[in-house]
N, C-alpha and C. Protein backbone atom coordinates (compact mmCIF):
# COMPACT_ATOMS: atom_id res chain seq x y z
N MET A 1 -10.68 -24.96 21.40
CA MET A 1 -10.52 -23.49 21.20
C MET A 1 -11.54 -22.70 21.82
N PRO A 2 -11.17 -21.89 22.64
CA PRO A 2 -12.36 -20.88 23.30
C PRO A 2 -13.08 -20.18 22.28
N ALA A 3 -14.45 -20.02 22.69
CA ALA A 3 -15.39 -19.30 21.77
C ALA A 3 -15.02 -17.81 21.41
N ILE A 4 -14.39 -17.23 22.46
CA ILE A 4 -13.87 -15.85 22.18
C ILE A 4 -12.88 -15.79 21.14
N MET A 5 -11.86 -16.64 21.13
CA MET A 5 -10.89 -16.85 20.16
C MET A 5 -11.44 -16.96 18.72
N GLU A 6 -12.52 -18.00 18.76
CA GLU A 6 -13.14 -18.03 17.36
C GLU A 6 -13.84 -16.88 16.86
N ILE A 7 -14.57 -16.03 17.79
CA ILE A 7 -15.04 -14.96 17.40
C ILE A 7 -13.98 -13.81 16.92
N LEU A 8 -12.92 -13.79 17.70
CA LEU A 8 -11.92 -12.93 17.30
C LEU A 8 -11.22 -13.23 15.84
N ILE A 9 -11.13 -14.44 15.63
CA ILE A 9 -10.46 -14.94 14.36
C ILE A 9 -11.51 -14.67 13.29
N SER A 10 -12.77 -14.75 13.51
CA SER A 10 -13.83 -14.76 12.54
C SER A 10 -13.85 -13.18 12.20
N ALA A 11 -13.80 -12.37 13.16
CA ALA A 11 -13.95 -10.79 13.03
C ALA A 11 -12.68 -10.53 12.09
N PHE A 12 -11.50 -10.81 12.38
CA PHE A 12 -10.29 -10.41 11.56
C PHE A 12 -10.42 -10.95 10.05
N ILE A 13 -11.04 -12.13 9.97
CA ILE A 13 -11.10 -12.65 8.57
C ILE A 13 -12.27 -11.81 7.84
N ILE A 14 -13.38 -11.52 8.49
CA ILE A 14 -14.39 -10.84 7.87
C ILE A 14 -13.84 -9.32 7.52
N LEU A 15 -13.20 -8.79 8.56
CA LEU A 15 -12.57 -7.33 8.41
C LEU A 15 -11.64 -7.42 7.16
N GLY A 16 -10.73 -8.34 7.13
CA GLY A 16 -9.71 -8.49 5.91
C GLY A 16 -10.53 -8.69 4.62
N GLY A 17 -11.63 -9.34 4.70
CA GLY A 17 -12.44 -9.54 3.25
C GLY A 17 -13.07 -8.09 2.98
N VAL A 18 -13.42 -7.39 3.96
CA VAL A 18 -14.25 -6.23 3.63
C VAL A 18 -13.21 -5.20 3.12
N PHE A 19 -11.95 -5.07 3.88
CA PHE A 19 -10.88 -4.22 3.34
C PHE A 19 -10.47 -4.60 1.91
N GLY A 20 -10.30 -5.91 1.68
CA GLY A 20 -9.78 -6.34 0.43
C GLY A 20 -10.87 -5.88 -0.66
N LEU A 21 -12.16 -6.19 -0.43
CA LEU A 21 -13.18 -5.83 -1.41
C LEU A 21 -13.25 -4.28 -1.65
N VAL A 22 -13.17 -3.51 -0.77
CA VAL A 22 -13.10 -2.15 -0.84
C VAL A 22 -11.82 -1.60 -1.57
N GLY A 23 -10.84 -2.16 -1.32
CA GLY A 23 -9.47 -1.79 -1.92
C GLY A 23 -9.73 -2.24 -3.36
N SER A 24 -10.17 -3.47 -3.72
CA SER A 24 -10.32 -3.81 -5.13
C SER A 24 -11.29 -3.14 -5.89
N PHE A 25 -12.38 -2.72 -5.30
CA PHE A 25 -13.38 -1.85 -5.81
C PHE A 25 -12.79 -0.47 -6.18
N GLY A 26 -11.99 0.03 -5.32
CA GLY A 26 -11.35 1.39 -5.57
C GLY A 26 -10.31 1.24 -6.65
N LEU A 27 -9.65 0.23 -6.81
CA LEU A 27 -8.66 0.04 -7.98
C LEU A 27 -9.58 -0.07 -9.17
N VAL A 28 -10.58 -0.57 -9.23
CA VAL A 28 -11.35 -0.66 -10.47
C VAL A 28 -12.10 0.68 -10.82
N LYS A 29 -12.74 1.20 -9.84
CA LYS A 29 -13.61 2.21 -10.19
C LYS A 29 -12.98 3.74 -10.10
N LEU A 30 -12.02 3.89 -9.48
CA LEU A 30 -11.38 5.33 -9.43
C LEU A 30 -10.80 5.73 -10.81
N ARG A 31 -10.72 6.96 -10.95
CA ARG A 31 -10.57 7.42 -12.47
C ARG A 31 -9.08 7.49 -12.92
N ASP A 32 -8.16 7.90 -12.13
CA ASP A 32 -6.79 8.08 -12.85
C ASP A 32 -5.83 7.41 -11.80
N THR A 33 -4.60 7.35 -12.22
CA THR A 33 -3.38 6.64 -11.62
C THR A 33 -3.23 7.04 -10.09
N MET A 34 -3.37 8.27 -9.86
CA MET A 34 -3.21 8.76 -8.49
C MET A 34 -4.23 8.35 -7.50
N GLN A 35 -5.53 8.46 -8.12
CA GLN A 35 -6.58 7.94 -7.17
C GLN A 35 -6.56 6.48 -7.11
N ARG A 36 -6.29 5.64 -8.04
CA ARG A 36 -6.16 4.23 -8.04
C ARG A 36 -5.03 3.74 -7.20
N LEU A 37 -4.04 4.60 -6.95
CA LEU A 37 -3.02 4.15 -6.02
C LEU A 37 -3.44 3.81 -4.52
N HIS A 38 -4.58 4.50 -4.14
CA HIS A 38 -4.96 4.30 -2.68
C HIS A 38 -5.63 2.95 -2.42
N GLY A 39 -6.27 2.42 -3.50
CA GLY A 39 -7.13 1.14 -3.15
C GLY A 39 -6.02 -0.02 -2.74
N PRO A 40 -5.09 -0.33 -3.66
CA PRO A 40 -4.29 -1.45 -3.19
C PRO A 40 -3.12 -1.08 -2.15
N THR A 41 -2.75 0.12 -2.02
CA THR A 41 -1.72 0.37 -0.98
C THR A 41 -2.44 0.74 0.42
N LYS A 42 -3.57 1.03 0.57
CA LYS A 42 -4.15 1.32 1.77
C LYS A 42 -5.07 0.13 2.17
N ALA A 43 -6.30 0.12 1.50
CA ALA A 43 -7.25 -0.88 2.01
C ALA A 43 -6.81 -2.33 1.78
N THR A 44 -6.28 -2.62 0.63
CA THR A 44 -6.00 -3.92 0.38
C THR A 44 -4.91 -4.46 1.29
N THR A 45 -4.09 -3.68 1.56
CA THR A 45 -2.83 -3.90 2.47
C THR A 45 -3.36 -4.14 3.87
N LEU A 46 -4.38 -3.41 4.35
CA LEU A 46 -4.94 -3.66 5.50
C LEU A 46 -5.81 -5.11 5.64
N GLY A 47 -6.46 -5.31 4.52
CA GLY A 47 -7.23 -6.55 4.36
C GLY A 47 -6.31 -7.68 4.49
N ILE A 48 -5.07 -7.76 3.88
CA ILE A 48 -4.32 -8.90 3.85
C ILE A 48 -3.67 -8.98 5.35
N GLY A 49 -3.45 -7.75 5.88
CA GLY A 49 -2.85 -7.78 7.16
C GLY A 49 -3.89 -8.31 8.30
N CYS A 50 -5.04 -8.12 8.09
CA CYS A 50 -6.29 -8.66 8.87
C CYS A 50 -6.23 -10.22 8.76
N ALA A 51 -6.10 -10.66 7.55
CA ALA A 51 -6.11 -12.07 7.39
C ALA A 51 -4.98 -12.71 7.89
N LEU A 52 -3.74 -12.07 7.77
CA LEU A 52 -2.64 -12.65 8.45
C LEU A 52 -2.68 -12.72 9.86
N ILE A 53 -3.27 -11.68 10.53
CA ILE A 53 -3.40 -11.65 11.93
C ILE A 53 -4.28 -12.81 12.39
N ALA A 54 -5.49 -12.90 11.60
CA ALA A 54 -6.33 -14.12 11.88
C ALA A 54 -5.66 -15.46 11.84
N SER A 55 -4.81 -15.59 10.90
CA SER A 55 -3.92 -16.92 10.73
C SER A 55 -3.03 -16.94 12.00
N MET A 56 -2.39 -15.85 12.45
CA MET A 56 -1.47 -15.81 13.64
C MET A 56 -2.22 -16.27 14.84
N LEU A 57 -3.49 -15.72 14.98
CA LEU A 57 -4.20 -15.97 16.16
C LEU A 57 -4.71 -17.54 16.16
N TYR A 58 -5.24 -17.94 14.98
CA TYR A 58 -5.53 -19.37 14.80
C TYR A 58 -4.36 -20.42 15.18
N PHE A 59 -3.21 -20.13 14.70
CA PHE A 59 -2.14 -20.97 14.92
C PHE A 59 -1.69 -20.94 16.43
N PHE A 60 -1.88 -19.74 16.94
CA PHE A 60 -1.50 -19.64 18.37
C PHE A 60 -2.45 -20.37 19.26
N SER A 61 -3.73 -20.28 18.87
CA SER A 61 -4.71 -20.93 19.66
C SER A 61 -4.74 -22.42 19.56
N THR A 62 -4.29 -22.90 18.49
CA THR A 62 -4.33 -24.38 18.31
C THR A 62 -3.00 -25.04 18.74
N GLY A 63 -1.98 -24.24 18.34
CA GLY A 63 -0.71 -24.88 18.50
C GLY A 63 0.05 -24.41 19.77
N GLY A 64 -0.34 -23.18 20.35
CA GLY A 64 0.24 -22.68 21.51
C GLY A 64 1.55 -22.03 21.26
N ALA A 65 1.87 -21.79 19.91
CA ALA A 65 3.20 -21.04 19.53
C ALA A 65 2.80 -20.10 18.56
N VAL A 66 3.62 -18.95 18.65
CA VAL A 66 3.37 -17.92 17.77
C VAL A 66 4.10 -18.25 16.42
N SER A 67 3.41 -18.08 15.35
CA SER A 67 3.91 -18.23 13.94
C SER A 67 4.52 -16.96 13.32
N PHE A 68 5.86 -17.13 13.16
CA PHE A 68 6.54 -15.92 12.80
C PHE A 68 6.43 -15.68 11.30
N HIS A 69 6.12 -16.72 10.60
CA HIS A 69 6.05 -16.58 8.97
C HIS A 69 4.94 -15.49 8.76
N GLU A 70 3.77 -15.61 9.39
CA GLU A 70 2.71 -14.55 9.10
C GLU A 70 3.27 -13.19 9.54
N LEU A 71 4.02 -13.12 10.61
CA LEU A 71 4.33 -11.89 11.14
C LEU A 71 5.44 -11.16 10.16
N LEU A 72 6.31 -12.07 9.71
CA LEU A 72 7.26 -11.57 8.71
C LEU A 72 6.60 -11.26 7.28
N ILE A 73 5.65 -11.79 7.01
CA ILE A 73 4.80 -11.51 5.77
C ILE A 73 4.25 -10.15 6.01
N THR A 74 3.46 -10.00 7.07
CA THR A 74 2.89 -8.70 7.43
C THR A 74 3.69 -7.54 7.41
N LEU A 75 4.99 -7.72 8.07
CA LEU A 75 5.90 -6.59 8.29
C LEU A 75 6.39 -6.38 6.82
N PHE A 76 6.70 -7.18 6.09
CA PHE A 76 7.39 -7.02 4.71
C PHE A 76 6.18 -6.30 3.83
N LEU A 77 4.92 -6.60 3.92
CA LEU A 77 3.85 -6.05 3.19
C LEU A 77 3.66 -4.60 3.61
N PHE A 78 3.78 -4.25 4.90
CA PHE A 78 3.39 -2.98 5.47
C PHE A 78 4.68 -2.14 5.07
N LEU A 79 5.78 -2.64 4.91
CA LEU A 79 7.08 -1.87 4.64
C LEU A 79 7.03 -1.48 3.07
N THR A 80 6.76 -2.52 2.30
CA THR A 80 6.95 -2.38 0.79
C THR A 80 5.75 -1.65 0.17
N ALA A 81 4.67 -1.84 0.55
CA ALA A 81 3.38 -1.18 -0.14
C ALA A 81 3.65 0.37 -0.11
N PRO A 82 3.82 1.07 0.91
CA PRO A 82 4.12 2.45 0.79
C PRO A 82 5.32 2.87 -0.09
N ILE A 83 6.24 2.24 -0.07
CA ILE A 83 7.46 2.52 -0.95
C ILE A 83 7.13 2.35 -2.33
N ALA A 84 6.48 1.30 -2.70
CA ALA A 84 6.01 1.07 -4.09
C ALA A 84 5.12 2.16 -4.56
N ALA A 85 4.18 2.45 -3.55
CA ALA A 85 3.32 3.47 -4.03
C ALA A 85 3.88 4.92 -4.24
N ASN A 86 4.91 5.22 -3.38
CA ASN A 86 5.80 6.37 -3.54
C ASN A 86 6.55 6.34 -4.90
N PHE A 87 6.97 5.25 -5.32
CA PHE A 87 7.60 5.34 -6.71
C PHE A 87 6.70 5.33 -7.78
N ILE A 88 5.49 4.84 -7.58
CA ILE A 88 4.47 5.05 -8.84
C ILE A 88 4.19 6.39 -8.95
N ALA A 89 3.89 7.00 -7.69
CA ALA A 89 3.37 8.45 -7.63
C ALA A 89 4.50 9.23 -8.24
N LYS A 90 5.69 9.16 -7.70
CA LYS A 90 6.73 9.91 -8.39
C LYS A 90 6.98 9.76 -9.90
N THR A 91 6.83 8.64 -10.31
CA THR A 91 6.87 8.40 -11.82
C THR A 91 5.69 9.14 -12.60
N TYR A 92 4.52 9.08 -12.06
CA TYR A 92 3.37 9.78 -12.41
C TYR A 92 3.55 11.05 -12.53
N ILE A 93 4.07 11.77 -11.58
CA ILE A 93 4.33 13.13 -11.37
C ILE A 93 5.36 13.55 -12.56
N ILE A 94 6.45 12.91 -12.61
CA ILE A 94 7.54 13.19 -13.52
C ILE A 94 7.07 13.23 -14.90
N ARG A 95 6.28 12.21 -15.26
CA ARG A 95 5.74 12.08 -16.56
C ARG A 95 4.64 13.10 -17.03
N ASN A 96 3.87 13.48 -16.01
CA ASN A 96 2.64 14.28 -16.30
C ASN A 96 2.70 15.68 -15.89
N ILE A 97 3.76 16.18 -15.36
CA ILE A 97 3.67 17.54 -14.76
C ILE A 97 4.44 18.56 -16.05
N ASP A 98 3.81 19.61 -15.99
CA ASP A 98 4.28 20.74 -16.90
C ASP A 98 5.28 21.50 -16.05
N ARG A 99 6.60 21.35 -16.16
CA ARG A 99 7.61 21.88 -15.37
C ARG A 99 7.65 23.51 -15.50
N SER A 100 7.28 24.06 -16.61
CA SER A 100 7.26 25.37 -16.81
C SER A 100 6.40 26.19 -15.78
N GLU A 101 5.51 25.55 -15.27
CA GLU A 101 4.70 26.10 -14.28
C GLU A 101 5.12 26.14 -12.84
N LEU A 102 6.24 25.54 -12.57
CA LEU A 102 6.92 25.47 -11.35
C LEU A 102 7.74 26.61 -10.95
N PRO A 103 7.71 27.16 -9.75
CA PRO A 103 8.52 28.29 -9.51
C PRO A 103 10.04 27.75 -9.35
N ALA A 104 10.98 28.62 -9.53
CA ALA A 104 12.41 28.30 -9.43
C ALA A 104 12.80 27.71 -7.99
N SER A 105 13.66 26.80 -7.97
CA SER A 105 13.96 26.13 -6.67
C SER A 105 15.09 26.97 -6.03
N GLY A 106 15.88 27.54 -6.94
CA GLY A 106 17.05 28.33 -6.40
C GLY A 106 18.13 27.46 -5.93
N ARG A 107 18.28 26.14 -6.29
CA ARG A 107 19.23 25.19 -5.81
C ARG A 107 19.75 24.63 -7.08
N GLU A 108 20.87 24.03 -6.82
CA GLU A 108 21.70 23.37 -7.93
C GLU A 108 20.98 22.16 -8.63
N TYR A 109 20.08 21.35 -7.70
CA TYR A 109 19.53 20.28 -8.41
C TYR A 109 18.06 20.39 -8.52
N GLY A 110 17.47 21.35 -8.38
CA GLY A 110 16.05 21.66 -8.70
C GLY A 110 15.12 20.92 -7.56
N TRP A 111 13.87 20.72 -7.82
CA TRP A 111 13.09 20.20 -7.04
C TRP A 111 13.21 18.65 -7.09
N SER A 112 12.80 17.84 -6.00
CA SER A 112 13.19 16.45 -5.76
C SER A 112 12.78 15.60 -6.93
N VAL A 113 11.52 15.64 -7.29
CA VAL A 113 10.98 15.00 -8.39
C VAL A 113 10.76 15.69 -9.67
N TYR A 114 10.97 17.02 -9.42
CA TYR A 114 10.72 17.98 -10.59
C TYR A 114 12.07 18.37 -11.15
N ASP A 115 13.13 17.55 -11.02
CA ASP A 115 14.34 17.97 -11.61
C ASP A 115 14.33 18.14 -13.02
N ASP A 116 15.04 19.31 -13.47
CA ASP A 116 15.06 19.67 -14.79
C ASP A 116 16.28 19.14 -15.58
N SER A 117 16.79 18.03 -15.16
CA SER A 117 17.89 17.44 -15.79
C SER A 117 17.59 16.94 -17.16
N PRO A 118 18.54 16.81 -18.11
CA PRO A 118 18.30 16.46 -19.49
C PRO A 118 17.68 14.89 -19.46
N ALA A 119 18.02 14.11 -18.51
CA ALA A 119 17.45 12.72 -18.50
C ALA A 119 15.94 12.75 -18.27
N LEU A 120 15.38 13.81 -17.70
CA LEU A 120 13.98 13.68 -17.23
C LEU A 120 13.08 14.55 -18.37
N ARG A 121 13.77 15.31 -19.22
CA ARG A 121 13.10 16.09 -20.08
C ARG A 121 12.39 15.13 -21.31
N ARG A 122 11.23 15.43 -21.42
CA ARG A 122 10.48 14.62 -22.50
C ARG A 122 10.66 15.42 -23.88
N GLU A 123 10.72 14.63 -24.81
CA GLU A 123 10.95 15.22 -26.13
C GLU A 123 9.64 15.68 -26.65
N GLU A 124 9.40 16.94 -26.91
CA GLU A 124 8.18 17.69 -27.27
C GLU A 124 8.00 17.60 -28.72
């Protein structure tokens, strides 16, 4: 394996470890749910992506073929992490917002996550 490929693979592994560490640290140290959401969905996702790219480069340099398993895992991870974060954020907003402070939407269904339907009303 050429030295440049070893350096590139090592750089991706180190970068992935740094992103993973920063994301995990953010998950532990940030104060509330909305702040903690950024650690695993941003930094840790990039860390895992870097590790998978390093794996793809390694198997390409040793075997001469592209490994599609790592590519599919990376694509799945980058597609699902933001969607999961969006669902968690919407749930947090619905459960913790005071709807009386919101202006009227003027529409039949209300605001997208601030809907005033009976199913979303909390028992006071």
